[in-house]
Amino acid sequence: MKLSINDFDFLDSFDDLGEHYLDSHYKHKISLFSLKINANDFDYQNLQDNLLEPMVNFSLSRAVKAEYADKPAKLSKKAREKFIEYVRNKGELGELILYSFLESHLNAPKILSKLELKTSTSHYVNGADGVHFLKLQNGDYQIIFGESKTEVGITRGISNAFKSISEFKAGVNNKGAKKSGLPYEKSLISDHLANETFSDDEKQFVKSIIYPSRKDNFYVDDAFGIFIGYEMKIEDSDKTLPNSEFREKIKKKIKAEVEGKFSHILKKITQYDLSGHNFYIYFLPITDLNKNRKLIQKGITL
C-alpha cells in the first residue's frame, strides 16, 4: 500500500537536527527538527506553503480524492472544510504535522486520520490523531497510533501526550467514556475500509494487520507516533547576531532543550507501563506558539 502523501516537499521546511534513541534496543526514537530560518526568524510562510498538499491528503479519504481527481479546486475546498475553525482547536495543526512526518520522514502510510471520521466541523472523534502502519526490516509490522500536543511548555506537552496514550490504551478517554482505545480504533479502521479506494488485496492486507490470524507469516505490534510542538523563546539580542551565528545558536538551543527532557520521557514510559511499545517522537519549537499556530492554520484553510 502506497503513501497517501504525493511528495516530500514538507521536509524542505526544516533542518534535520538528528535522531536519538532512548534505549539500548532502539525502540524509543527521538527526531529533532528546526524550521528553516530566514533573516533570524523561523520561516513560517515556507511551512504554511509546504502544508497545503499534505492537508488535502490528511483530511480526505483516498476515495474522495479519487472522486475529485479532475476537480482540484473542489478537492481543496472539501479538505479545508474538514478543518475546524482555526481559533477553536489548537490540536488540529499538530495532527497534520504528525501525519506529514510519519508519511514523509518515517515512510509509514496512513490508514486513517481523525479528520476523515469527522461528520461535520463541529464534531470530534475520540481516540488517536491518526493511524499508520510501518513494515519492519524483518517482515513484521507495526500499527502506529498518533498523538499530538502543542503546548507552551515542553514538559507539559510530553506529560500530556503520554497521559493521553495511557488513557487510549486503557480504552477510557478523559471524559471516562468507553468509546475509545485500541480495540475501538481498530474497529473503526475495519468499518471504514469501504470508504477507501483500496483494491481487494489492499483491504485484505489492512484487515490482516488489524486482526492478525494464525495463517499470517508475520507479527504485528502496536506502536505510537508523537508530535510535540512547544514554545521557544528567542532573546531580542540574539536577533542582532549574524545569520550564520544565529542559526547555530538556535540549533544548539533546540538540542539542549529536548535532550534535557529525555529522562522525563523515559520516566513517563515507565510510569504508564508502556515499555513494550515502540515510540517515534518528533519535536518542533515554535516562537509565539499560539499566535503562529493560528496564523498557519488560517493560512492553509483560507
C-alpha atoms as a PDB file:
ATOM      1  CA  MET A   1       0.000   0.000   0.000  1.00  0.00           C
ATOM      2  CA  LYS A   2       1.423   3.349  -1.065  1.00  0.00           C
ATOM      3  CA  LEU A   3       1.930   6.509   0.934  1.00  0.00           C
ATOM      4  CA  SER A   4      -1.005   8.900   0.714  1.00  0.00           C
ATOM      5  CA  ILE A   5       1.272  11.935   0.522  1.00  0.00           C
ATOM      6  CA  ASN A   6       2.185  12.982  -3.016  1.00  0.00           C
ATOM      7  CA  ASP A   7       5.654  14.415  -2.434  1.00  0.00           C
ATOM      8  CA  PHE A   8       8.172  15.079   0.323  1.00  0.00           C
ATOM      9  CA  ASP A   9       8.264  18.883  -0.030  1.00  0.00           C
ATOM     10  CA  PHE A  10       7.057  19.109   3.574  1.00  0.00           C
ATOM     11  CA  LEU A  11      10.540  18.125   4.760  1.00  0.00           C
ATOM     12  CA  ASP A  12      12.006  21.108   2.903  1.00  0.00           C
ATOM     13  CA  SER A  13      10.512  23.261   5.675  1.00  0.00           C
ATOM     14  CA  PHE A  14      13.083  22.038   8.208  1.00  0.00           C
ATOM     15  CA  ASP A  15      16.675  21.496   9.167  1.00  0.00           C
ATOM     16  CA  ASP A  16      17.087  17.944  10.446  1.00  0.00           C
ATOM     17  CA  LEU A  17      18.940  18.115  13.773  1.00  0.00           C
ATOM     18  CA  GLY A  18      19.401  14.379  14.135  1.00  0.00           C
ATOM     19  CA  GLU A  19      17.954  11.308  15.811  1.00  0.00           C
ATOM     20  CA  HIS A  20      18.398   9.849  19.273  1.00  0.00           C
ATOM     21  CA  TYR A  21      17.404   6.514  20.793  1.00  0.00           C
ATOM     22  CA  LEU A  22      16.465   6.470  24.457  1.00  0.00           C
ATOM     23  CA  ASP A  23      17.046   2.762  24.986  1.00  0.00           C
ATOM     24  CA  SER A  24      19.640   0.156  24.065  1.00  0.00           C
ATOM     25  CA  HIS A  25      17.115  -1.769  21.954  1.00  0.00           C
ATOM     26  CA  TYR A  26      16.407   1.190  19.642  1.00  0.00           C
ATOM     27  CA  LYS A  27      12.687   1.195  20.399  1.00  0.00           C
ATOM     28  CA  HIS A  28      12.194   4.792  21.521  1.00  0.00           C
ATOM     29  CA  LYS A  29      13.297   7.141  18.749  1.00  0.00           C
ATOM     30  CA  ILE A  30      13.501  10.928  19.035  1.00  0.00           C
ATOM     31  CA  SER A  31      13.690  13.065  15.873  1.00  0.00           C
ATOM     32  CA  LEU A  32      14.683  16.717  16.240  1.00  0.00           C
ATOM     33  CA  PHE A  33      13.781  19.370  13.687  1.00  0.00           C
ATOM     34  CA  SER A  34      14.099  23.119  13.387  1.00  0.00           C
ATOM     35  CA  LEU A  35      12.082  25.220  10.993  1.00  0.00           C
ATOM     36  CA  LYS A  36      14.198  26.819   8.295  1.00  0.00           C
ATOM     37  CA  ILE A  37      15.471  30.208   9.412  1.00  0.00           C
ATOM     38  CA  ASN A  38      15.244  33.312   7.245  1.00  0.00           C
ATOM     39  CA  ALA A  39      16.743  36.587   8.481  1.00  0.00           C
ATOM     40  CA  ASN A  40      16.947  35.338  12.083  1.00  0.00           C
ATOM     41  CA  ASP A  41      13.341  34.194  12.278  1.00  0.00           C
ATOM     42  CA  PHE A  42      11.613  30.869  11.710  1.00  0.00           C
ATOM     43  CA  ASP A  43      10.166  30.717   8.189  1.00  0.00           C
ATOM     44  CA  TYR A  44       6.507  30.039   8.932  1.00  0.00           C
ATOM     45  CA  GLN A  45       5.390  31.030   5.437  1.00  0.00           C
ATOM     46  CA  ASN A  46       7.524  28.243   3.985  1.00  0.00           C
ATOM     47  CA  LEU A  47       5.946  25.722   6.357  1.00  0.00           C
ATOM     48  CA  GLN A  48       2.481  27.013   5.515  1.00  0.00           C
ATOM     49  CA  ASP A  49       3.124  26.602   1.785  1.00  0.00           C
ATOM     50  CA  ASN A  50       4.506  23.092   2.251  1.00  0.00           C
ATOM     51  CA  LEU A  51       1.481  22.019   4.322  1.00  0.00           C
ATOM     52  CA  LEU A  52      -1.078  22.795   1.607  1.00  0.00           C
ATOM     53  CA  GLU A  53      -0.725  19.492  -0.248  1.00  0.00           C
ATOM     54  CA  PRO A  54      -0.382  17.298   2.877  1.00  0.00           C
ATOM     55  CA  MET A  55      -3.508  18.987   4.272  1.00  0.00           C
ATOM     56  CA  VAL A  56      -5.575  17.615   1.382  1.00  0.00           C
ATOM     57  CA  ASN A  57      -4.153  14.099   1.727  1.00  0.00           C
ATOM     58  CA  PHE A  58      -4.537  14.165   5.511  1.00  0.00           C
ATOM     59  CA  SER A  59      -8.101  15.466   5.532  1.00  0.00           C
ATOM     60  CA  LEU A  60      -9.724  13.369   2.837  1.00  0.00           C
ATOM     61  CA  SER A  61     -10.016   9.680   2.174  1.00  0.00           C
ATOM     62  CA  ARG A  62      -8.457   8.147  -0.906  1.00  0.00           C
ATOM     63  CA  ALA A  63     -11.971   7.568  -2.248  1.00  0.00           C
ATOM     64  CA  VAL A  64     -12.875  11.265  -2.055  1.00  0.00           C
ATOM     65  CA  LYS A  65      -9.572  12.235  -3.667  1.00  0.00           C
ATOM     66  CA  ALA A  66     -10.229   9.804  -6.500  1.00  0.00           C
ATOM     67  CA  GLU A  67     -13.754  11.178  -6.975  1.00  0.00           C
ATOM     68  CA  TYR A  68     -12.478  14.755  -7.344  1.00  0.00           C
ATOM     69  CA  ALA A  69      -9.193  13.939  -9.075  1.00  0.00           C
ATOM     70  CA  ASP A  70     -10.040  16.137 -12.072  1.00  0.00           C
ATOM     71  CA  LYS A  71     -11.548  18.925  -9.942  1.00  0.00           C
ATOM     72  CA  PRO A  72      -8.652  20.288  -7.848  1.00  0.00           C
ATOM     73  CA  ALA A  73     -10.493  23.426  -6.702  1.00  0.00           C
ATOM     74  CA  LYS A  74     -13.418  21.423  -5.295  1.00  0.00           C
ATOM     75  CA  LEU A  75     -10.999  18.917  -3.767  1.00  0.00           C
ATOM     76  CA  SER A  76      -9.116  21.684  -1.974  1.00  0.00           C
ATOM     77  CA  LYS A  77     -12.382  23.225  -0.772  1.00  0.00           C
ATOM     78  CA  LYS A  78     -13.590  19.925   0.676  1.00  0.00           C
ATOM     79  CA  ALA A  79     -10.284  19.459   2.501  1.00  0.00           C
ATOM     80  CA  ARG A  80     -10.404  22.947   4.009  1.00  0.00           C
ATOM     81  CA  GLU A  81     -13.980  22.359   5.148  1.00  0.00           C
ATOM     82  CA  LYS A  82     -12.710  19.415   7.163  1.00  0.00           C
ATOM     83  CA  PHE A  83     -10.514  21.668   9.235  1.00  0.00           C
ATOM     84  CA  ILE A  84     -12.271  23.081  12.280  1.00  0.00           C
ATOM     85  CA  GLU A  85     -12.303  26.823  12.738  1.00  0.00           C
ATOM     86  CA  TYR A  86      -8.679  27.602  13.400  1.00  0.00           C
ATOM     87  CA  VAL A  87      -9.118  29.640  16.564  1.00  0.00           C
ATOM     88  CA  ARG A  88     -11.093  26.912  18.320  1.00  0.00           C
ATOM     89  CA  ASN A  89      -8.851  23.866  18.144  1.00  0.00           C
ATOM     90  CA  LYS A  90      -5.128  24.040  18.830  1.00  0.00           C
ATOM     91  CA  GLY A  91      -4.646  20.321  18.233  1.00  0.00           C
ATOM     92  CA  GLU A  92      -5.506  20.377  14.569  1.00  0.00           C
ATOM     93  CA  LEU A  93      -2.179  21.708  13.293  1.00  0.00           C
ATOM     94  CA  GLY A  94      -0.242  19.203  15.378  1.00  0.00           C
ATOM     95  CA  GLU A  95      -2.241  16.337  13.882  1.00  0.00           C
ATOM     96  CA  LEU A  96      -1.397  17.495  10.369  1.00  0.00           C
ATOM     97  CA  ILE A  97       2.298  17.933  11.141  1.00  0.00           C
ATOM     98  CA  LEU A  98       2.487  14.498  12.783  1.00  0.00           C
ATOM     99  CA  TYR A  99       0.808  12.903   9.750  1.00  0.00           C
ATOM    100  CA  SER A 100       3.283  14.643   7.457  1.00  0.00           C
ATOM    101  CA  PHE A 101       6.294  13.471   9.481  1.00  0.00           C
ATOM    102  CA  LEU A 102       5.065   9.875   9.742  1.00  0.00           C
ATOM    103  CA  GLU A 103       4.498   9.644   5.997  1.00  0.00           C
ATOM    104  CA  SER A 104       7.406  11.656   4.598  1.00  0.00           C
ATOM    105  CA  HIS A 105      10.085  11.006   7.257  1.00  0.00           C
ATOM    106  CA  LEU A 106       9.199   7.581   8.674  1.00  0.00           C
ATOM    107  CA  ASN A 107       7.603   6.284   5.432  1.00  0.00           C
ATOM    108  CA  ALA A 108       4.622   4.937   7.360  1.00  0.00           C
ATOM    109  CA  PRO A 109       1.492   5.045   5.138  1.00  0.00           C
ATOM    110  CA  LYS A 110      -1.706   6.463   6.576  1.00  0.00           C
ATOM    111  CA  ILE A 111      -4.564   4.042   7.076  1.00  0.00           C
ATOM    112  CA  LEU A 112      -6.965   6.514   8.627  1.00  0.00           C
ATOM    113  CA  SER A 113      -6.917  10.050  10.047  1.00  0.00           C
ATOM    114  CA  LYS A 114      -9.172  11.509  12.700  1.00  0.00           C
ATOM    115  CA  LEU A 115     -10.365  14.203  10.310  1.00  0.00           C
ATOM    116  CA  GLU A 116     -11.652  11.612   7.846  1.00  0.00           C
ATOM    117  CA  LEU A 117     -14.082  10.447  10.521  1.00  0.00           C
ATOM    118  CA  LYS A 118     -15.469  13.870  11.378  1.00  0.00           C
ATOM    119  CA  THR A 119     -19.008  14.160  10.096  1.00  0.00           C
ATOM    120  CA  SER A 120     -19.033  17.951  10.419  1.00  0.00           C
ATOM    121  CA  THR A 121     -16.750  20.779  11.523  1.00  0.00           C
ATOM    122  CA  SER A 122     -18.348  20.744  14.982  1.00  0.00           C
ATOM    123  CA  HIS A 123     -17.907  17.006  15.556  1.00  0.00           C
ATOM    124  CA  TYR A 124     -14.830  15.423  17.109  1.00  0.00           C
ATOM    125  CA  VAL A 125     -13.872  11.791  17.259  1.00  0.00           C
ATOM    126  CA  ASN A 126     -12.171  10.480  20.388  1.00  0.00           C
ATOM    127  CA  GLY A 127      -9.034   8.418  20.040  1.00  0.00           C
ATOM    128  CA  ALA A 128      -5.813   8.564  18.067  1.00  0.00           C
ATOM    129  CA  ASP A 129      -4.927  11.526  15.884  1.00  0.00           C
ATOM    130  CA  GLY A 130      -4.314   9.132  13.014  1.00  0.00           C
ATOM    131  CA  VAL A 131      -3.429   5.517  12.286  1.00  0.00           C
ATOM    132  CA  HIS A 132      -0.455   4.454  10.143  1.00  0.00           C
ATOM    133  CA  PHE A 133       1.417   1.218   9.543  1.00  0.00           C
ATOM    134  CA  LEU A 134       5.122   0.504   9.186  1.00  0.00           C
ATOM    135  CA  LYS A 135       6.768  -2.551   7.669  1.00  0.00           C
ATOM    136  CA  LEU A 136       9.933  -3.535   9.539  1.00  0.00           C
ATOM    137  CA  GLN A 137      13.103  -4.952   8.037  1.00  0.00           C
ATOM    138  CA  ASN A 138      12.354  -8.394   9.469  1.00  0.00           C
ATOM    139  CA  GLY A 139       8.985  -8.545   7.671  1.00  0.00           C
ATOM    140  CA  ASP A 140       6.857  -7.792  10.728  1.00  0.00           C
ATOM    141  CA  TYR A 141       4.565  -4.759  11.019  1.00  0.00           C
ATOM    142  CA  GLN A 142       3.656  -2.027  13.457  1.00  0.00           C
ATOM    143  CA  ILE A 143       0.355  -0.185  13.649  1.00  0.00           C
ATOM    144  CA  ILE A 144       1.258   3.362  14.671  1.00  0.00           C
ATOM    145  CA  PHE A 145      -1.340   5.377  16.578  1.00  0.00           C
ATOM    146  CA  GLY A 146      -0.756   9.125  16.542  1.00  0.00           C
ATOM    147  CA  GLU A 147      -0.819  11.579  19.443  1.00  0.00           C
ATOM    148  CA  SER A 148      -0.027  15.277  19.003  1.00  0.00           C
ATOM    149  CA  LYS A 149       0.318  18.034  21.569  1.00  0.00           C
ATOM    150  CA  THR A 150       1.083  21.709  21.041  1.00  0.00           C
ATOM    151  CA  GLU A 151       1.823  23.249  24.425  1.00  0.00           C
ATOM    152  CA  VAL A 152       3.702  26.331  25.577  1.00  0.00           C
ATOM    153  CA  GLY A 153       5.799  24.182  27.928  1.00  0.00           C
ATOM    154  CA  ILE A 154       7.739  21.236  26.524  1.00  0.00           C
ATOM    155  CA  THR A 155       7.499  19.258  29.788  1.00  0.00           C
ATOM    156  CA  ARG A 156       3.743  19.707  29.900  1.00  0.00           C
ATOM    157  CA  GLY A 157       3.434  18.616  26.282  1.00  0.00           C
ATOM    158  CA  ILE A 158       5.372  15.420  26.963  1.00  0.00           C
ATOM    159  CA  SER A 159       3.386  14.649  30.121  1.00  0.00           C
ATOM    160  CA  ASN A 160       0.026  15.232  28.455  1.00  0.00           C
ATOM    161  CA  ALA A 161       0.951  13.153  25.420  1.00  0.00           C
ATOM    162  CA  PHE A 162       1.858  10.100  27.487  1.00  0.00           C
ATOM    163  CA  LYS A 163      -1.170  10.558  29.734  1.00  0.00           C
ATOM    164  CA  SER A 164      -3.392  10.538  26.633  1.00  0.00           C
ATOM    165  CA  ILE A 165      -1.648   7.436  25.299  1.00  0.00           C
ATOM    166  CA  SER A 166      -2.132   5.660  28.624  1.00  0.00           C
ATOM    167  CA  GLU A 167      -5.849   6.502  28.630  1.00  0.00           C
ATOM    168  CA  PHE A 168      -6.132   5.483  24.993  1.00  0.00           C
ATOM    169  CA  LYS A 169      -4.505   2.121  25.662  1.00  0.00           C
ATOM    170  CA  ALA A 170      -6.786   1.588  28.664  1.00  0.00           C
ATOM    171  CA  GLY A 171      -9.831   2.290  26.492  1.00  0.00           C
ATOM    172  CA  VAL A 172     -11.076   5.262  28.506  1.00  0.00           C
ATOM    173  CA  ASN A 173     -10.867   8.846  27.290  1.00  0.00           C
ATOM    174  CA  ASN A 174     -10.511  11.892  29.528  1.00  0.00           C
ATOM    175  CA  LYS A 175     -14.294  12.065  29.945  1.00  0.00           C
ATOM    176  CA  GLY A 176     -14.486   8.481  31.132  1.00  0.00           C
ATOM    177  CA  ALA A 177     -16.295   7.271  28.022  1.00  0.00           C
ATOM    178  CA  LYS A 178     -15.542   3.784  26.797  1.00  0.00           C
ATOM    179  CA  LYS A 179     -15.797   4.519  23.066  1.00  0.00           C
ATOM    180  CA  SER A 180     -12.063   4.865  22.622  1.00  0.00           C
ATOM    181  CA  GLY A 181      -8.897   2.829  22.856  1.00  0.00           C
ATOM    182  CA  LEU A 182      -7.060   0.268  20.770  1.00  0.00           C
ATOM    183  CA  PRO A 183      -9.921  -2.200  20.126  1.00  0.00           C
ATOM    184  CA  TYR A 184     -12.369   0.608  19.294  1.00  0.00           C
ATOM    185  CA  GLU A 185      -9.879   2.305  16.975  1.00  0.00           C
ATOM    186  CA  LYS A 186      -9.217  -0.943  15.130  1.00  0.00           C
ATOM    187  CA  SER A 187     -12.939  -1.498  14.686  1.00  0.00           C
ATOM    188  CA  LEU A 188     -13.210   1.996  13.154  1.00  0.00           C
ATOM    189  CA  ILE A 189     -10.499   1.131  10.655  1.00  0.00           C
ATOM    190  CA  SER A 190     -12.262  -2.069   9.668  1.00  0.00           C
ATOM    191  CA  ASP A 191     -15.628  -0.314   9.364  1.00  0.00           C
ATOM    192  CA  HIS A 192     -14.236   2.448   7.127  1.00  0.00           C
ATOM    193  CA  LEU A 193     -12.268   0.312   4.681  1.00  0.00           C
ATOM    194  CA  ALA A 194     -15.205   0.554   2.285  1.00  0.00           C
ATOM    195  CA  ASN A 195     -14.731   4.345   2.175  1.00  0.00           C
ATOM    196  CA  GLU A 196     -11.255   3.976   0.705  1.00  0.00           C
ATOM    197  CA  THR A 197     -10.251   3.154  -2.864  1.00  0.00           C
ATOM    198  CA  PHE A 198      -8.196   0.179  -1.761  1.00  0.00           C
ATOM    199  CA  SER A 199      -8.022  -2.832  -4.019  1.00  0.00           C
ATOM    200  CA  ASP A 200      -9.406  -6.073  -2.621  1.00  0.00           C
ATOM    201  CA  ASP A 201      -5.834  -7.191  -1.896  1.00  0.00           C
ATOM    202  CA  GLU A 202      -5.097  -3.946  -0.038  1.00  0.00           C
ATOM    203  CA  LYS A 203      -8.271  -4.254   2.036  1.00  0.00           C
ATOM    204  CA  GLN A 204      -7.348  -7.798   2.942  1.00  0.00           C
ATOM    205  CA  PHE A 205      -3.834  -6.647   3.868  1.00  0.00           C
ATOM    206  CA  VAL A 206      -5.138  -3.889   6.165  1.00  0.00           C
ATOM    207  CA  LYS A 207      -7.511  -6.340   7.830  1.00  0.00           C
ATOM    208  CA  SER A 208      -4.637  -8.779   8.323  1.00  0.00           C
ATOM    209  CA  ILE A 209      -2.519  -6.252  10.228  1.00  0.00           C
ATOM    210  CA  ILE A 210      -5.501  -5.076  12.294  1.00  0.00           C
ATOM    211  CA  TYR A 211      -6.608  -8.590  13.192  1.00  0.00           C
ATOM    212  CA  PRO A 212      -3.659 -10.983  12.633  1.00  0.00           C
ATOM    213  CA  SER A 213      -4.512 -14.660  12.258  1.00  0.00           C
ATOM    214  CA  ARG A 214      -2.572 -17.877  12.677  1.00  0.00           C
ATOM    215  CA  LYS A 215      -2.267 -18.099   8.880  1.00  0.00           C
ATOM    216  CA  ASP A 216      -0.120 -14.973   8.708  1.00  0.00           C
ATOM    217  CA  ASN A 217       3.653 -15.308   8.467  1.00  0.00           C
ATOM    218  CA  PHE A 218       4.320 -12.042  10.295  1.00  0.00           C
ATOM    219  CA  TYR A 219       3.701 -10.419  13.653  1.00  0.00           C
ATOM    220  CA  VAL A 220       2.009  -7.073  14.353  1.00  0.00           C
ATOM    221  CA  ASP A 221       2.699  -4.786  17.309  1.00  0.00           C
ATOM    222  CA  ASP A 222       1.031  -1.562  18.420  1.00  0.00           C
ATOM    223  CA  ALA A 223       3.313   1.488  18.395  1.00  0.00           C
ATOM    224  CA  PHE A 224       2.871   5.228  18.861  1.00  0.00           C
ATOM    225  CA  GLY A 225       3.883   8.305  16.909  1.00  0.00           C
ATOM    226  CA  ILE A 226       4.062  11.527  18.932  1.00  0.00           C
ATOM    227  CA  PHE A 227       4.416  15.146  17.865  1.00  0.00           C
ATOM    228  CA  ILE A 228       5.304  17.765  20.480  1.00  0.00           C
ATOM    229  CA  GLY A 229       5.130  21.381  19.380  1.00  0.00           C
ATOM    230  CA  TYR A 230       6.388  23.694  22.113  1.00  0.00           C
ATOM    231  CA  GLU A 231       7.142  27.370  22.543  1.00  0.00           C
ATOM    232  CA  MET A 232      10.699  28.603  22.188  1.00  0.00           C
ATOM    233  CA  LYS A 233      11.772  31.997  23.482  1.00  0.00           C
ATOM    234  CA  ILE A 234      14.320  33.934  21.422  1.00  0.00           C
ATOM    235  CA  GLU A 235      16.053  36.904  23.028  1.00  0.00           C
ATOM    236  CA  ASP A 236      15.933  40.199  21.161  1.00  0.00           C
ATOM    237  CA  SER A 237      19.704  40.452  21.465  1.00  0.00           C
ATOM    238  CA  ASP A 238      20.099  37.146  19.608  1.00  0.00           C
ATOM    239  CA  LYS A 239      18.175  38.522  16.641  1.00  0.00           C
ATOM    240  CA  THR A 240      21.008  41.008  16.055  1.00  0.00           C
ATOM    241  CA  LEU A 241      23.553  38.220  15.507  1.00  0.00           C
ATOM    242  CA  PRO A 242      24.979  37.442  12.057  1.00  0.00           C
ATOM    243  CA  ASN A 243      22.655  34.987  10.296  1.00  0.00           C
ATOM    244  CA  SER A 244      25.065  32.037  10.428  1.00  0.00           C
ATOM    245  CA  GLU A 245      25.748  32.548  14.152  1.00  0.00           C
ATOM    246  CA  PHE A 246      22.036  32.843  14.886  1.00  0.00           C
ATOM    247  CA  ARG A 247      21.302  29.557  13.098  1.00  0.00           C
ATOM    248  CA  GLU A 248      23.975  27.692  15.015  1.00  0.00           C
ATOM    249  CA  LYS A 249      22.886  29.152  18.352  1.00  0.00           C
ATOM    250  CA  ILE A 250      19.229  28.214  17.783  1.00  0.00           C
ATOM    251  CA  LYS A 251      20.128  24.677  16.720  1.00  0.00           C
ATOM    252  CA  LYS A 252      22.232  24.194  19.858  1.00  0.00           C
ATOM    253  CA  LYS A 253      19.407  25.589  21.991  1.00  0.00           C
ATOM    254  CA  ILE A 254      16.859  23.182  20.477  1.00  0.00           C
ATOM    255  CA  LYS A 255      19.131  20.197  21.047  1.00  0.00           C
ATOM    256  CA  ALA A 256      19.788  21.218  24.651  1.00  0.00           C
ATOM    257  CA  GLU A 257      16.084  21.804  25.402  1.00  0.00           C
ATOM    258  CA  VAL A 258      14.944  18.453  24.024  1.00  0.00           C
ATOM    259  CA  GLU A 259      17.887  16.368  25.229  1.00  0.00           C
ATOM    260  CA  GLY A 260      17.236  17.762  28.692  1.00  0.00           C
ATOM    261  CA  LYS A 261      13.811  16.058  28.610  1.00  0.00           C
ATOM    262  CA  PHE A 262      14.989  12.556  27.670  1.00  0.00           C
ATOM    263  CA  SER A 263      14.866  11.369  31.289  1.00  0.00           C
ATOM    264  CA  HIS A 264      11.336  12.761  31.655  1.00  0.00           C
ATOM    265  CA  ILE A 265      10.199  10.817  28.580  1.00  0.00           C
ATOM    266  CA  LEU A 266      11.641   7.588  29.972  1.00  0.00           C
ATOM    267  CA  LYS A 267      10.002   8.336  33.314  1.00  0.00           C
ATOM    268  CA  LYS A 268       6.582   8.626  31.642  1.00  0.00           C
ATOM    269  CA  ILE A 269       7.088   5.448  29.622  1.00  0.00           C
ATOM    270  CA  THR A 270       7.849   3.585  32.858  1.00  0.00           C
ATOM    271  CA  GLN A 271       5.110   5.335  34.860  1.00  0.00           C
ATOM    272  CA  TYR A 272       2.411   4.287  32.400  1.00  0.00           C
ATOM    273  CA  ASP A 273       3.867   0.805  31.771  1.00  0.00           C
ATOM    274  CA  LEU A 274       4.425   1.464  28.070  1.00  0.00           C
ATOM    275  CA  SER A 275       7.916  -0.026  27.701  1.00  0.00           C
ATOM    276  CA  GLY A 276       6.717  -2.746  25.352  1.00  0.00           C
ATOM    277  CA  HIS A 277       5.742  -0.243  22.658  1.00  0.00           C
ATOM    278  CA  ASN A 278       7.904   1.470  20.088  1.00  0.00           C
ATOM    279  CA  PHE A 279       7.743   5.261  20.069  1.00  0.00           C
ATOM    280  CA  TYR A 280       8.519   7.641  17.208  1.00  0.00           C
ATOM    281  CA  ILE A 281       8.657  11.107  18.741  1.00  0.00           C
ATOM    282  CA  TYR A 282       9.002  14.378  16.849  1.00  0.00           C
ATOM    283  CA  PHE A 283       9.812  17.719  18.476  1.00  0.00           C
ATOM    284  CA  LEU A 284       9.398  21.127  16.874  1.00  0.00           C
ATOM    285  CA  PRO A 285       9.904  24.502  18.614  1.00  0.00           C
ATOM    286  CA  ILE A 286       7.654  27.412  17.624  1.00  0.00           C
ATOM    287  CA  THR A 287       8.017  31.047  18.678  1.00  0.00           C
ATOM    288  CA  ASP A 288       4.866  32.821  19.903  1.00  0.00           C
ATOM    289  CA  LEU A 289       3.151  29.447  19.755  1.00  0.00           C
ATOM    290  CA  ASN A 290      -0.492  30.450  19.990  1.00  0.00           C
ATOM    291  CA  LYS A 291      -0.151  33.319  17.518  1.00  0.00           C
ATOM    292  CA  ASN A 292       1.859  31.454  14.882  1.00  0.00           C
ATOM    293  CA  ARG A 293      -0.194  28.266  15.186  1.00  0.00           C
ATOM    294  CA  LYS A 294      -3.345  30.225  14.421  1.00  0.00           C
ATOM    295  CA  LEU A 295      -1.708  32.101  11.549  1.00  0.00           C
ATOM    296  CA  ILE A 296      -0.537  28.873   9.905  1.00  0.00           C
ATOM    297  CA  GLN A 297      -3.914  27.182  10.343  1.00  0.00           C
ATOM    298  CA  LYS A 298      -5.686  30.210   8.964  1.00  0.00           C
ATOM    299  CA  GLY A 299      -3.326  30.337   6.001  1.00  0.00           C
ATOM    300  CA  ILE A 300      -3.908  26.744   4.939  1.00  0.00           C
ATOM    301  CA  THR A 301      -7.692  26.884   5.350  1.00  0.00           C
ATOM    302  CA  LEU A 302      -8.482  30.149   3.514  1.00  0.00           C
END
